[in-house]
Amino acid sequence: VAAREASAAGIHWILAPMVDIARDPRWGRVAEGAGEDVWLAAAIA
């Protein structure tokens, strides 16, 4: 859905997903990823 809407606005290249494993919630960009686990993060990627 995000790609469909972005495409309608003329975007061709989405700079996502963020697939970094993050295990330190002090880091603000933990919000952008799939969390701490390898198996789950790979499936979500």
PDB file of all heavy atoms in Angstrom:
ATOM      1  N   VAL A   1       0.844  -1.203   0.000  1.00  0.00           N
ATOM      2  CA  VAL A   1       0.000   0.000   0.000  1.00  0.00           C
ATOM      3  C   VAL A   1       0.876   1.248   0.000  1.00  0.00           C
ATOM      4  O   VAL A   1       0.624   2.216  -0.732  1.00  0.00           O
ATOM      5  CB  VAL A   1      -0.949  -0.010   1.204  1.00  0.00           C
ATOM      6  CG1 VAL A   1      -1.616   1.355   1.376  1.00  0.00           C
ATOM      7  CG2 VAL A   1      -2.005  -1.095   1.047  1.00  0.00           C
ATOM      8  N   ALA A   2       1.908   1.249   0.844  1.00  0.00           N
ATOM      9  CA  ALA A   2       2.816   2.395   0.901  1.00  0.00           C
ATOM     10  C   ALA A   2       3.450   2.639  -0.466  1.00  0.00           C
ATOM     11  O   ALA A   2       3.544   3.787  -0.935  1.00  0.00           O
ATOM     12  CB  ALA A   2       3.890   2.154   1.956  1.00  0.00           C
ATOM     13  N   ALA A   3       3.873   1.560  -1.133  1.00  0.00           N
ATOM     14  CA  ALA A   3       4.480   1.693  -2.450  1.00  0.00           C
ATOM     15  C   ALA A   3       3.467   2.193  -3.477  1.00  0.00           C
ATOM     16  O   ALA A   3       3.800   3.010  -4.350  1.00  0.00           O
ATOM     17  CB  ALA A   3       5.055   0.347  -2.888  1.00  0.00           C
ATOM     18  N   ARG A   4       2.241   1.709  -3.386  1.00  0.00           N
ATOM     19  CA  ARG A   4       1.198   2.124  -4.329  1.00  0.00           C
ATOM     20  C   ARG A   4       0.937   3.624  -4.218  1.00  0.00           C
ATOM     21  O   ARG A   4       0.840   4.333  -5.231  1.00  0.00           O
ATOM     22  CB  ARG A   4      -0.080   1.330  -4.042  1.00  0.00           C
ATOM     23  CG  ARG A   4      -1.102   1.334  -5.157  1.00  0.00           C
ATOM     24  CD  ARG A   4      -2.267   0.421  -4.794  1.00  0.00           C
ATOM     25  NE  ARG A   4      -1.823  -0.937  -4.548  1.00  0.00           N
ATOM     26  CZ  ARG A   4      -2.198  -1.676  -3.497  1.00  0.00           C
ATOM     27  NH1 ARG A   4      -3.032  -1.181  -2.601  1.00  0.00           N
ATOM     28  NH2 ARG A   4      -1.748  -2.898  -3.353  1.00  0.00           N
ATOM     29  N   GLU A   5       0.835   4.111  -2.975  1.00  0.00           N
ATOM     30  CA  GLU A   5       0.586   5.538  -2.780  1.00  0.00           C
ATOM     31  C   GLU A   5       1.801   6.364  -3.208  1.00  0.00           C
ATOM     32  O   GLU A   5       1.656   7.417  -3.834  1.00  0.00           O
ATOM     33  CB  GLU A   5       0.236   5.817  -1.322  1.00  0.00           C
ATOM     34  CG  GLU A   5      -1.119   5.278  -0.899  1.00  0.00           C
ATOM     35  CD  GLU A   5      -1.598   5.844   0.429  1.00  0.00           C
ATOM     36  OE1 GLU A   5      -0.840   6.612   1.069  1.00  0.00           O
ATOM     37  OE2 GLU A   5      -2.732   5.540   0.821  1.00  0.00           O
ATOM     38  N   ALA A   6       3.002   5.904  -2.838  1.00  0.00           N
ATOM     39  CA  ALA A   6       4.212   6.635  -3.211  1.00  0.00           C
ATOM     40  C   ALA A   6       4.371   6.680  -4.722  1.00  0.00           C
ATOM     41  O   ALA A   6       4.783   7.702  -5.297  1.00  0.00           O
ATOM     42  CB  ALA A   6       5.428   5.986  -2.566  1.00  0.00           C
ATOM     43  N   SER A   7       4.037   5.588  -5.387  1.00  0.00           N
ATOM     44  CA  SER A   7       4.122   5.545  -6.842  1.00  0.00           C
ATOM     45  C   SER A   7       3.174   6.555  -7.480  1.00  0.00           C
ATOM     46  O   SER A   7       3.510   7.191  -8.482  1.00  0.00           O
ATOM     47  CB  SER A   7       3.808   4.130  -7.331  1.00  0.00           C
ATOM     48  OG  SER A   7       3.731   4.089  -8.734  1.00  0.00           O
ATOM     49  N   ALA A   8       2.002   6.697  -6.900  1.00  0.00           N
ATOM     50  CA  ALA A   8       1.040   7.670  -7.430  1.00  0.00           C
ATOM     51  C   ALA A   8       1.556   9.096  -7.305  1.00  0.00           C
ATOM     52  O   ALA A   8       1.114   9.987  -8.029  1.00  0.00           O
ATOM     53  CB  ALA A   8      -0.297   7.528  -6.699  1.00  0.00           C
ATOM     54  N   ALA A   9       2.497   9.309  -6.385  1.00  0.00           N
ATOM     55  CA  ALA A   9       3.094  10.635  -6.200  1.00  0.00           C
ATOM     56  C   ALA A   9       4.386  10.794  -6.989  1.00  0.00           C
ATOM     57  O   ALA A   9       5.088  11.803  -6.842  1.00  0.00           O
ATOM     58  CB  ALA A   9       3.358  10.877  -4.721  1.00  0.00           C
ATOM     59  N   GLY A  10       4.729   9.794  -7.811  1.00  0.00           N
ATOM     60  CA  GLY A  10       5.876   9.921  -8.693  1.00  0.00           C
ATOM     61  C   GLY A  10       7.165   9.308  -8.193  1.00  0.00           C
ATOM     62  O   GLY A  10       8.215   9.460  -8.830  1.00  0.00           O
ATOM     63  N   ILE A  11       7.131   8.591  -7.076  1.00  0.00           N
ATOM     64  CA  ILE A  11       8.338   7.960  -6.537  1.00  0.00           C
ATOM     65  C   ILE A  11       8.541   6.601  -7.192  1.00  0.00           C
ATOM     66  O   ILE A  11       7.591   5.852  -7.402  1.00  0.00           O
ATOM     67  CB  ILE A  11       8.219   7.831  -4.997  1.00  0.00           C
ATOM     68  CG1 ILE A  11       8.251   9.223  -4.360  1.00  0.00           C
ATOM     69  CG2 ILE A  11       9.323   6.954  -4.417  1.00  0.00           C
ATOM     70  CD1 ILE A  11       7.935   9.234  -2.877  1.00  0.00           C
ATOM     71  N   HIS A  12       9.816   6.272  -7.495  1.00  0.00           N
ATOM     72  CA  HIS A  12      10.145   4.996  -8.125  1.00  0.00           C
ATOM     73  C   HIS A  12      11.020   4.112  -7.238  1.00  0.00           C
ATOM     74  O   HIS A  12      11.217   2.941  -7.558  1.00  0.00           O
ATOM     75  CB  HIS A  12      10.924   5.208  -9.433  1.00  0.00           C
ATOM     76  CG  HIS A  12      10.469   6.354 -10.256  1.00  0.00           C
ATOM     77  ND1 HIS A  12      11.327   7.306 -10.771  1.00  0.00           N
ATOM     78  CD2 HIS A  12       9.221   6.707 -10.659  1.00  0.00           C
ATOM     79  CE1 HIS A  12      10.641   8.201 -11.454  1.00  0.00           C
ATOM     80  NE2 HIS A  12       9.364   7.867 -11.404  1.00  0.00           N
ATOM     81  N   TRP A  13      11.562   4.690  -6.188  1.00  0.00           N
ATOM     82  CA  TRP A  13      12.618   4.017  -5.426  1.00  0.00           C
ATOM     83  C   TRP A  13      12.408   4.321  -3.949  1.00  0.00           C
ATOM     84  O   TRP A  13      12.548   5.468  -3.526  1.00  0.00           O
ATOM     85  CB  TRP A  13      13.969   4.516  -5.923  1.00  0.00           C
ATOM     86  CG  TRP A  13      15.185   3.912  -5.318  1.00  0.00           C
ATOM     87  CD1 TRP A  13      15.316   2.705  -4.712  1.00  0.00           C
ATOM     88  CD2 TRP A  13      16.484   4.525  -5.288  1.00  0.00           C
ATOM     89  NE1 TRP A  13      16.607   2.508  -4.298  1.00  0.00           N
ATOM     90  CE2 TRP A  13      17.345   3.610  -4.645  1.00  0.00           C
ATOM     91  CE3 TRP A  13      17.005   5.729  -5.735  1.00  0.00           C
ATOM     92  CZ2 TRP A  13      18.704   3.896  -4.441  1.00  0.00           C
ATOM     93  CZ3 TRP A  13      18.346   6.003  -5.535  1.00  0.00           C
ATOM     94  CH2 TRP A  13      19.179   5.087  -4.893  1.00  0.00           C
ATOM     95  N   ILE A  14      12.042   3.317  -3.185  1.00  0.00           N
ATOM     96  CA  ILE A  14      11.792   3.502  -1.753  1.00  0.00           C
ATOM     97  C   ILE A  14      13.040   3.115  -0.970  1.00  0.00           C
ATOM     98  O   ILE A  14      13.532   1.989  -1.078  1.00  0.00           O
ATOM     99  CB  ILE A  14      10.578   2.669  -1.300  1.00  0.00           C
ATOM    100  CG1 ILE A  14       9.290   3.337  -1.808  1.00  0.00           C
ATOM    101  CG2 ILE A  14      10.540   2.504   0.207  1.00  0.00           C
ATOM    102  CD1 ILE A  14       8.024   2.628  -1.411  1.00  0.00           C
ATOM    103  N   LEU A  15      13.548   4.048  -0.174  1.00  0.00           N
ATOM    104  CA  LEU A  15      14.747   3.813   0.632  1.00  0.00           C
ATOM    105  C   LEU A  15      14.346   3.110   1.925  1.00  0.00           C
ATOM    106  O   LEU A  15      14.421   3.658   3.025  1.00  0.00           O
ATOM    107  CB  LEU A  15      15.467   5.132   0.887  1.00  0.00           C
ATOM    108  CG  LEU A  15      15.838   5.920  -0.381  1.00  0.00           C
ATOM    109  CD1 LEU A  15      16.604   7.187  -0.023  1.00  0.00           C
ATOM    110  CD2 LEU A  15      16.637   5.065  -1.362  1.00  0.00           C
ATOM    111  N   ALA A  16      13.929   1.894   1.782  1.00  0.00           N
ATOM    112  CA  ALA A  16      13.460   1.037   2.867  1.00  0.00           C
ATOM    113  C   ALA A  16      13.351  -0.369   2.270  1.00  0.00           C
ATOM    114  O   ALA A  16      13.348  -0.525   1.040  1.00  0.00           O
ATOM    115  CB  ALA A  16      12.103   1.522   3.395  1.00  0.00           C
ATOM    116  N   PRO A  17      13.278  -1.412   3.113  1.00  0.00           N
ATOM    117  CA  PRO A  17      13.129  -1.366   4.569  1.00  0.00           C
ATOM    118  C   PRO A  17      14.472  -1.268   5.293  1.00  0.00           C
ATOM    119  O   PRO A  17      15.509  -1.625   4.742  1.00  0.00           O
ATOM    120  CB  PRO A  17      12.482  -2.723   4.872  1.00  0.00           C
ATOM    121  CG  PRO A  17      13.061  -3.627   3.811  1.00  0.00           C
ATOM    122  CD  PRO A  17      13.163  -2.780   2.567  1.00  0.00           C
ATOM    123  N   MET A  18      14.416  -0.773   6.543  1.00  0.00           N
ATOM    124  CA  MET A  18      15.578  -0.860   7.402  1.00  0.00           C
ATOM    125  C   MET A  18      15.570  -2.249   8.023  1.00  0.00           C
ATOM    126  O   MET A  18      14.605  -2.622   8.688  1.00  0.00           O
ATOM    127  CB  MET A  18      15.561   0.197   8.501  1.00  0.00           C
ATOM    128  CG  MET A  18      16.899   0.273   9.234  1.00  0.00           C
ATOM    129  SD  MET A  18      16.889   1.274  10.726  1.00  0.00           S
ATOM    130  CE  MET A  18      16.468   0.024  11.948  1.00  0.00           C
ATOM    131  N   VAL A  19      16.634  -3.002   7.808  1.00  0.00           N
ATOM    132  CA  VAL A  19      16.666  -4.385   8.278  1.00  0.00           C
ATOM    133  C   VAL A  19      17.769  -4.613   9.319  1.00  0.00           C
ATOM    134  O   VAL A  19      18.157  -5.744   9.585  1.00  0.00           O
ATOM    135  CB  VAL A  19      16.810  -5.372   7.105  1.00  0.00           C
ATOM    136  CG1 VAL A  19      15.644  -5.221   6.144  1.00  0.00           C
ATOM    137  CG2 VAL A  19      18.121  -5.190   6.356  1.00  0.00           C
ATOM    138  N   ASP A  20      18.253  -3.522   9.921  1.00  0.00           N
ATOM    139  CA  ASP A  20      19.278  -3.646  10.955  1.00  0.00           C
ATOM    140  C   ASP A  20      18.715  -4.326  12.197  1.00  0.00           C
ATOM    141  O   ASP A  20      17.661  -3.932  12.707  1.00  0.00           O
ATOM    142  CB  ASP A  20      19.792  -2.256  11.357  1.00  0.00           C
ATOM    143  CG  ASP A  20      20.460  -1.538  10.203  1.00  0.00           C
ATOM    144  OD1 ASP A  20      21.495  -2.018   9.749  1.00  0.00           O
ATOM    145  OD2 ASP A  20      19.933  -0.495   9.763  1.00  0.00           O
ATOM    146  N   ILE A  21      19.436  -5.326  12.694  1.00  0.00           N
ATOM    147  CA  ILE A  21      19.111  -5.907  13.999  1.00  0.00           C
ATOM    148  C   ILE A  21      19.456  -4.877  15.063  1.00  0.00           C
ATOM    149  O   ILE A  21      20.539  -4.297  15.049  1.00  0.00           O
ATOM    150  CB  ILE A  21      19.916  -7.201  14.239  1.00  0.00           C
ATOM    151  CG1 ILE A  21      19.554  -8.260  13.195  1.00  0.00           C
ATOM    152  CG2 ILE A  21      19.699  -7.727  15.659  1.00  0.00           C
ATOM    153  CD1 ILE A  21      18.153  -8.801  13.307  1.00  0.00           C
ATOM    154  N   ALA A  22      18.544  -4.641  16.002  1.00  0.00           N
ATOM    155  CA  ALA A  22      18.760  -3.633  17.048  1.00  0.00           C
ATOM    156  C   ALA A  22      18.427  -4.224  18.410  1.00  0.00           C
ATOM    157  O   ALA A  22      17.311  -4.704  18.628  1.00  0.00           O
ATOM    158  CB  ALA A  22      17.900  -2.401  16.775  1.00  0.00           C
ATOM    159  N   ARG A  23      19.391  -4.175  19.309  1.00  0.00           N
ATOM    160  CA  ARG A  23      19.225  -4.749  20.640  1.00  0.00           C
ATOM    161  C   ARG A  23      19.456  -3.727  21.742  1.00  0.00           C
ATOM    162  O   ARG A  23      19.595  -4.088  22.903  1.00  0.00           O
ATOM    163  CB  ARG A  23      20.178  -5.941  20.793  1.00  0.00           C
ATOM    164  CG  ARG A  23      19.802  -7.084  19.864  1.00  0.00           C
ATOM    165  CD  ARG A  23      20.790  -8.220  19.849  1.00  0.00           C
ATOM    166  NE  ARG A  23      20.255  -9.365  19.112  1.00  0.00           N
ATOM    167  CZ  ARG A  23      20.921 -10.491  18.886  1.00  0.00           C
ATOM    168  NH1 ARG A  23      22.165 -10.633  19.321  1.00  0.00           N
ATOM    169  NH2 ARG A  23      20.347 -11.481  18.220  1.00  0.00           N
ATOM    170  N   ASP A  24      19.515  -2.458  21.366  1.00  0.00           N
ATOM    171  CA  ASP A  24      19.725  -1.384  22.336  1.00  0.00           C
ATOM    172  C   ASP A  24      18.629  -0.345  22.153  1.00  0.00           C
ATOM    173  O   ASP A  24      18.689   0.482  21.243  1.00  0.00           O
ATOM    174  CB  ASP A  24      21.099  -0.750  22.124  1.00  0.00           C
ATOM    175  CG  ASP A  24      21.481   0.198  23.254  1.00  0.00           C
ATOM    176  OD1 ASP A  24      20.562   0.729  23.909  1.00  0.00           O
ATOM    177  OD2 ASP A  24      22.687   0.397  23.483  1.00  0.00           O
ATOM    178  N   PRO A  25      17.602  -0.362  23.008  1.00  0.00           N
ATOM    179  CA  PRO A  25      16.488   0.572  22.825  1.00  0.00           C
ATOM    180  C   PRO A  25      16.829   2.023  23.108  1.00  0.00           C
ATOM    181  O   PRO A  25      15.996   2.904  22.879  1.00  0.00           O
ATOM    182  CB  PRO A  25      15.416   0.047  23.791  1.00  0.00           C
ATOM    183  CG  PRO A  25      16.162  -0.752  24.797  1.00  0.00           C
ATOM    184  CD  PRO A  25      17.343  -1.331  24.084  1.00  0.00           C
ATOM    185  N   ARG A  26      18.027   2.305  23.574  1.00  0.00           N
ATOM    186  CA  ARG A  26      18.438   3.705  23.671  1.00  0.00           C
ATOM    187  C   ARG A  26      18.574   4.318  22.286  1.00  0.00           C
ATOM    188  O   ARG A  26      18.418   5.527  22.118  1.00  0.00           O
ATOM    189  CB  ARG A  26      19.770   3.817  24.427  1.00  0.00           C
ATOM    190  CG  ARG A  26      19.695   3.447  25.897  1.00  0.00           C
ATOM    191  CD  ARG A  26      21.074   3.420  26.533  1.00  0.00           C
ATOM    192  NE  ARG A  26      21.934   2.397  25.924  1.00  0.00           N
ATOM    193  CZ  ARG A  26      23.192   2.169  26.300  1.00  0.00           C
ATOM    194  NH1 ARG A  26      23.740   2.898  27.274  1.00  0.00           N
ATOM    195  NH2 ARG A  26      23.901   1.210  25.714  1.00  0.00           N
ATOM    196  N   TRP A  27      18.908   3.482  21.305  1.00  0.00           N
ATOM    197  CA  TRP A  27      19.074   3.934  19.927  1.00  0.00           C
ATOM    198  C   TRP A  27      17.723   4.317  19.340  1.00  0.00           C
ATOM    199  O   TRP A  27      16.787   3.509  19.305  1.00  0.00           O
ATOM    200  CB  TRP A  27      19.719   2.799  19.116  1.00  0.00           C
ATOM    201  CG  TRP A  27      20.124   3.150  17.726  1.00  0.00           C
ATOM    202  CD1 TRP A  27      20.862   4.231  17.327  1.00  0.00           C
ATOM    203  CD2 TRP A  27      19.835   2.403  16.542  1.00  0.00           C
ATOM    204  NE1 TRP A  27      21.057   4.198  15.963  1.00  0.00           N
ATOM    205  CE2 TRP A  27      20.448   3.093  15.446  1.00  0.00           C
ATOM    206  CE3 TRP A  27      19.146   1.223  16.286  1.00  0.00           C
ATOM    207  CZ2 TRP A  27      20.361   2.632  14.135  1.00  0.00           C
ATOM    208  CZ3 TRP A  27      19.071   0.768  14.980  1.00  0.00           C
ATOM    209  CH2 TRP A  27      19.668   1.461  13.920  1.00  0.00           C
ATOM    210  N   GLY A  28      17.598   5.544  18.856  1.00  0.00           N
ATOM    211  CA  GLY A  28      16.303   6.013  18.374  1.00  0.00           C
ATOM    212  C   GLY A  28      15.779   5.272  17.179  1.00  0.00           C
ATOM    213  O   GLY A  28      14.561   5.124  16.993  1.00  0.00           O
ATOM    214  N   ARG A  29      16.684   4.751  16.342  1.00  0.00           N
ATOM    215  CA  ARG A  29      16.238   4.109  15.115  1.00  0.00           C
ATOM    216  C   ARG A  29      15.796   2.669  15.326  1.00  0.00           C
ATOM    217  O   ARG A  29      15.459   1.973  14.362  1.00  0.00           O
ATOM    218  CB  ARG A  29      17.319   4.205  14.039  1.00  0.00           C
ATOM    219  CG  ARG A  29      17.625   5.638  13.674  1.00  0.00           C
ATOM    220  CD  ARG A  29      18.469   5.791  12.430  1.00  0.00           C
ATOM    221  NE  ARG A  29      17.658   5.709  11.218  1.00  0.00           N
ATOM    222  CZ  ARG A  29      18.092   6.077  10.012  1.00  0.00           C
ATOM    223  NH1 ARG A  29      19.322   6.540   9.869  1.00  0.00           N
ATOM    224  NH2 ARG A  29      17.310   5.969   8.956  1.00  0.00           N
ATOM    225  N   VAL A  30      15.756   2.238  16.583  1.00  0.00           N
ATOM    226  CA  VAL A  30      15.153   0.937  16.872  1.00  0.00           C
ATOM    227  C   VAL A  30      13.708   0.926  16.376  1.00  0.00           C
ATOM    228  O   VAL A  30      13.160  -0.123  16.020  1.00  0.00           O
ATOM    229  CB  VAL A  30      15.244   0.634  18.384  1.00  0.00           C
ATOM    230  CG1 VAL A  30      14.332   1.530  19.187  1.00  0.00           C
ATOM    231  CG2 VAL A  30      14.923  -0.823  18.674  1.00  0.00           C
ATOM    232  N   ALA A  31      13.083   2.107  16.304  1.00  0.00           N
ATOM    233  CA  ALA A  31      11.701   2.221  15.837  1.00  0.00           C
ATOM    234  C   ALA A  31      11.534   1.773  14.394  1.00  0.00           C
ATOM    235  O   ALA A  31      10.450   1.345  13.989  1.00  0.00           O
ATOM    236  CB  ALA A  31      11.222   3.672  15.973  1.00  0.00           C
ATOM    237  N   GLU A  32      12.592   1.862  13.592  1.00  0.00           N
ATOM    238  CA  GLU A  32      12.498   1.612  12.154  1.00  0.00           C
ATOM    239  C   GLU A  32      12.700   0.158  11.760  1.00  0.00           C
ATOM    240  O   GLU A  32      12.515  -0.196  10.589  1.00  0.00           O
ATOM    241  CB  GLU A  32      13.540   2.443  11.405  1.00  0.00           C
ATOM    242  CG  GLU A  32      13.283   3.923  11.407  1.00  0.00           C
ATOM    243  CD  GLU A  32      14.382   4.646  10.648  1.00  0.00           C
ATOM    244  OE1 GLU A  32      14.634   4.285   9.479  1.00  0.00           O
ATOM    245  OE2 GLU A  32      14.997   5.550  11.218  1.00  0.00           O
ATOM    246  N   GLY A  33      13.141  -0.681  12.692  1.00  0.00           N
ATOM    247  CA  GLY A  33      13.485  -2.047  12.339  1.00  0.00           C
ATOM    248  C   GLY A  33      12.512  -3.060  12.878  1.00  0.00           C
ATOM    249  O   GLY A  33      11.418  -2.736  13.354  1.00  0.00           O
ATOM    250  N   ALA A  34      12.929  -4.328  12.821  1.00  0.00           N
ATOM    251  CA  ALA A  34      12.065  -5.436  13.234  1.00  0.00           C
ATOM    252  C   ALA A  34      12.465  -6.019  14.576  1.00  0.00           C
ATOM    253  O   ALA A  34      11.971  -7.073  14.955  1.00  0.00           O
ATOM    254  CB  ALA A  34      12.086  -6.525  12.166  1.00  0.00           C
ATOM    255  N   GLY A  35      13.379  -5.353  15.290  1.00  0.00           N
ATOM    256  CA  GLY A  35      13.711  -5.812  16.622  1.00  0.00           C
ATOM    257  C   GLY A  35      15.023  -6.556  16.699  1.00  0.00           C
ATOM    258  O   GLY A  35      15.958  -6.325  15.922  1.00  0.00           O
ATOM    259  N   GLU A  36      15.077  -7.515  17.641  1.00  0.00           N
ATOM    260  CA  GLU A  36      16.348  -8.107  18.030  1.00  0.00           C
ATOM    261  C   GLU A  36      16.662  -9.459  17.397  1.00  0.00           C
ATOM    262  O   GLU A  36      17.801  -9.921  17.487  1.00  0.00           O
ATOM    263  CB  GLU A  36      16.389  -8.277  19.549  1.00  0.00           C
ATOM    264  CG  GLU A  36      15.471  -9.377  20.082  1.00  0.00           C
ATOM    265  CD  GLU A  36      15.470  -9.466  21.591  1.00  0.00           C
ATOM    266  OE1 GLU A  36      15.286  -8.419  22.256  1.00  0.00           O
ATOM    267  OE2 GLU A  36      15.652 -10.577  22.106  1.00  0.00           O
ATOM    268  N   ASP A  37      15.683 -10.113  16.789  1.00  0.00           N
ATOM    269  CA  ASP A  37      15.887 -11.503  16.393  1.00  0.00           C
ATOM    270  C   ASP A  37      16.181 -11.661  14.909  1.00  0.00           C
ATOM    271  O   ASP A  37      15.558 -11.029  14.054  1.00  0.00           O
ATOM    272  CB  ASP A  37      14.658 -12.341  16.737  1.00  0.00           C
ATOM    273  CG  ASP A  37      14.861 -13.791  16.350  1.00  0.00           C
ATOM    274  OD1 ASP A  37      15.666 -14.458  17.027  1.00  0.00           O
ATOM    275  OD2 ASP A  37      14.259 -14.240  15.363  1.00  0.00           O
ATOM    276  N   VAL A  38      17.109 -12.556  14.601  1.00  0.00           N
ATOM    277  CA  VAL A  38      17.550 -12.783  13.232  1.00  0.00           C
ATOM    278  C   VAL A  38      16.460 -13.432  12.381  1.00  0.00           C
ATOM    279  O   VAL A  38      16.167 -12.989  11.265  1.00  0.00           O
ATOM    280  CB  VAL A  38      18.811 -13.677  13.219  1.00  0.00           C
ATOM    281  CG1 VAL A  38      19.318 -13.865  11.804  1.00  0.00           C
ATOM    282  CG2 VAL A  38      19.896 -13.086  14.099  1.00  0.00           C
ATOM    283  N   TRP A  39      15.854 -14.495  12.896  1.00  0.00           N
ATOM    284  CA  TRP A  39      14.872 -15.256  12.118  1.00  0.00           C
ATOM    285  C   TRP A  39      13.651 -14.396  11.787  1.00  0.00           C
ATOM    286  O   TRP A  39      13.196 -14.353  10.640  1.00  0.00           O
ATOM    287  CB  TRP A  39      14.458 -16.503  12.905  1.00  0.00           C
ATOM    288  CG  TRP A  39      13.605 -17.464  12.128  1.00  0.00           C
ATOM    289  CD1 TRP A  39      12.242 -17.463  12.043  1.00  0.00           C
ATOM    290  CD2 TRP A  39      14.051 -18.559  11.321  1.00  0.00           C
ATOM    291  NE1 TRP A  39      11.807 -18.482  11.235  1.00  0.00           N
ATOM    292  CE2 TRP A  39      12.901 -19.179  10.779  1.00  0.00           C
ATOM    293  CE3 TRP A  39      15.306 -19.077  11.013  1.00  0.00           C
ATOM    294  CZ2 TRP A  39      12.977 -20.288   9.954  1.00  0.00           C
ATOM    295  CZ3 TRP A  39      15.377 -20.185  10.178  1.00  0.00           C
ATOM    296  CH2 TRP A  39      14.227 -20.778   9.661  1.00  0.00           C
ATOM    297  N   LEU A  40      13.131 -13.707  12.805  1.00  0.00           N
ATOM    298  CA  LEU A  40      11.963 -12.858  12.589  1.00  0.00           C
ATOM    299  C   LEU A  40      12.300 -11.700  11.663  1.00  0.00           C
ATOM    300  O   LEU A  40      11.531 -11.382  10.739  1.00  0.00           O
ATOM    301  CB  LEU A  40      11.442 -12.337  13.935  1.00  0.00           C
ATOM    302  CG  LEU A  40      10.237 -11.394  13.872  1.00  0.00           C
ATOM    303  CD1 LEU A  40       9.038 -12.074  13.235  1.00  0.00           C
ATOM    304  CD2 LEU A  40       9.887 -10.882  15.272  1.00  0.00           C
ATOM    305  N   ALA A  41      13.448 -11.053  11.875  1.00  0.00           N
ATOM    306  CA  ALA A  41      13.825  -9.912  11.045  1.00  0.00           C
ATOM    307  C   ALA A  41      14.010 -10.322   9.587  1.00  0.00           C
ATOM    308  O   ALA A  41      13.652  -9.572   8.669  1.00  0.00           O
ATOM    309  CB  ALA A  41      15.100  -9.270  11.575  1.00  0.00           C
ATOM    310  N   ALA A  42      14.565 -11.505   9.351  1.00  0.00           N
ATOM    311  CA  ALA A  42      14.741 -11.974   7.975  1.00  0.00           C
ATOM    312  C   ALA A  42      13.389 -12.207   7.305  1.00  0.00           C
ATOM    313  O   ALA A  42      13.192 -11.856   6.129  1.00  0.00           O
ATOM    314  CB  ALA A  42      15.582 -13.246   7.957  1.00  0.00           C
ATOM    315  N   ALA A  43      12.455 -12.807   8.037  1.00  0.00           N
ATOM    316  CA  ALA A  43      11.117 -13.038   7.482  1.00  0.00           C
ATOM    317  C   ALA A  43      10.438 -11.715   7.142  1.00  0.00           C
ATOM    318  O   ALA A  43       9.785 -11.574   6.092  1.00  0.00           O
ATOM    319  CB  ALA A  43      10.271 -13.830   8.475  1.00  0.00           C
ATOM    320  N   ILE A  44      10.599 -10.723   8.014  1.00  0.00           N
ATOM    321  CA  ILE A  44       9.974  -9.417   7.784  1.00  0.00           C
ATOM    322  C   ILE A  44      10.657  -8.701   6.626  1.00  0.00           C
ATOM    323  O   ILE A  44       9.997  -8.021   5.824  1.00  0.00           O
ATOM    324  CB  ILE A  44      10.000  -8.589   9.081  1.00  0.00           C
ATOM    325  CG1 ILE A  44       9.020  -9.212  10.096  1.00  0.00           C
ATOM    326  CG2 ILE A  44       9.641  -7.135   8.815  1.00  0.00           C
ATOM    327  CD1 ILE A  44       9.056  -8.579  11.464  1.00  0.00           C
ATOM    328  N   ALA A  45      11.979  -8.845   6.502  1.00  0.00           N
ATOM    329  CA  ALA A  45      12.687  -8.241   5.368  1.00  0.00           C
ATOM    330  C   ALA A  45      12.143  -8.775   4.050  1.00  0.00           C
ATOM    331  O   ALA A  45      11.906  -8.014   3.098  1.00  0.00           O
ATOM    332  CB  ALA A  45      14.185  -8.515   5.484  1.00  0.00           C
TER     333      ALA A  45
END
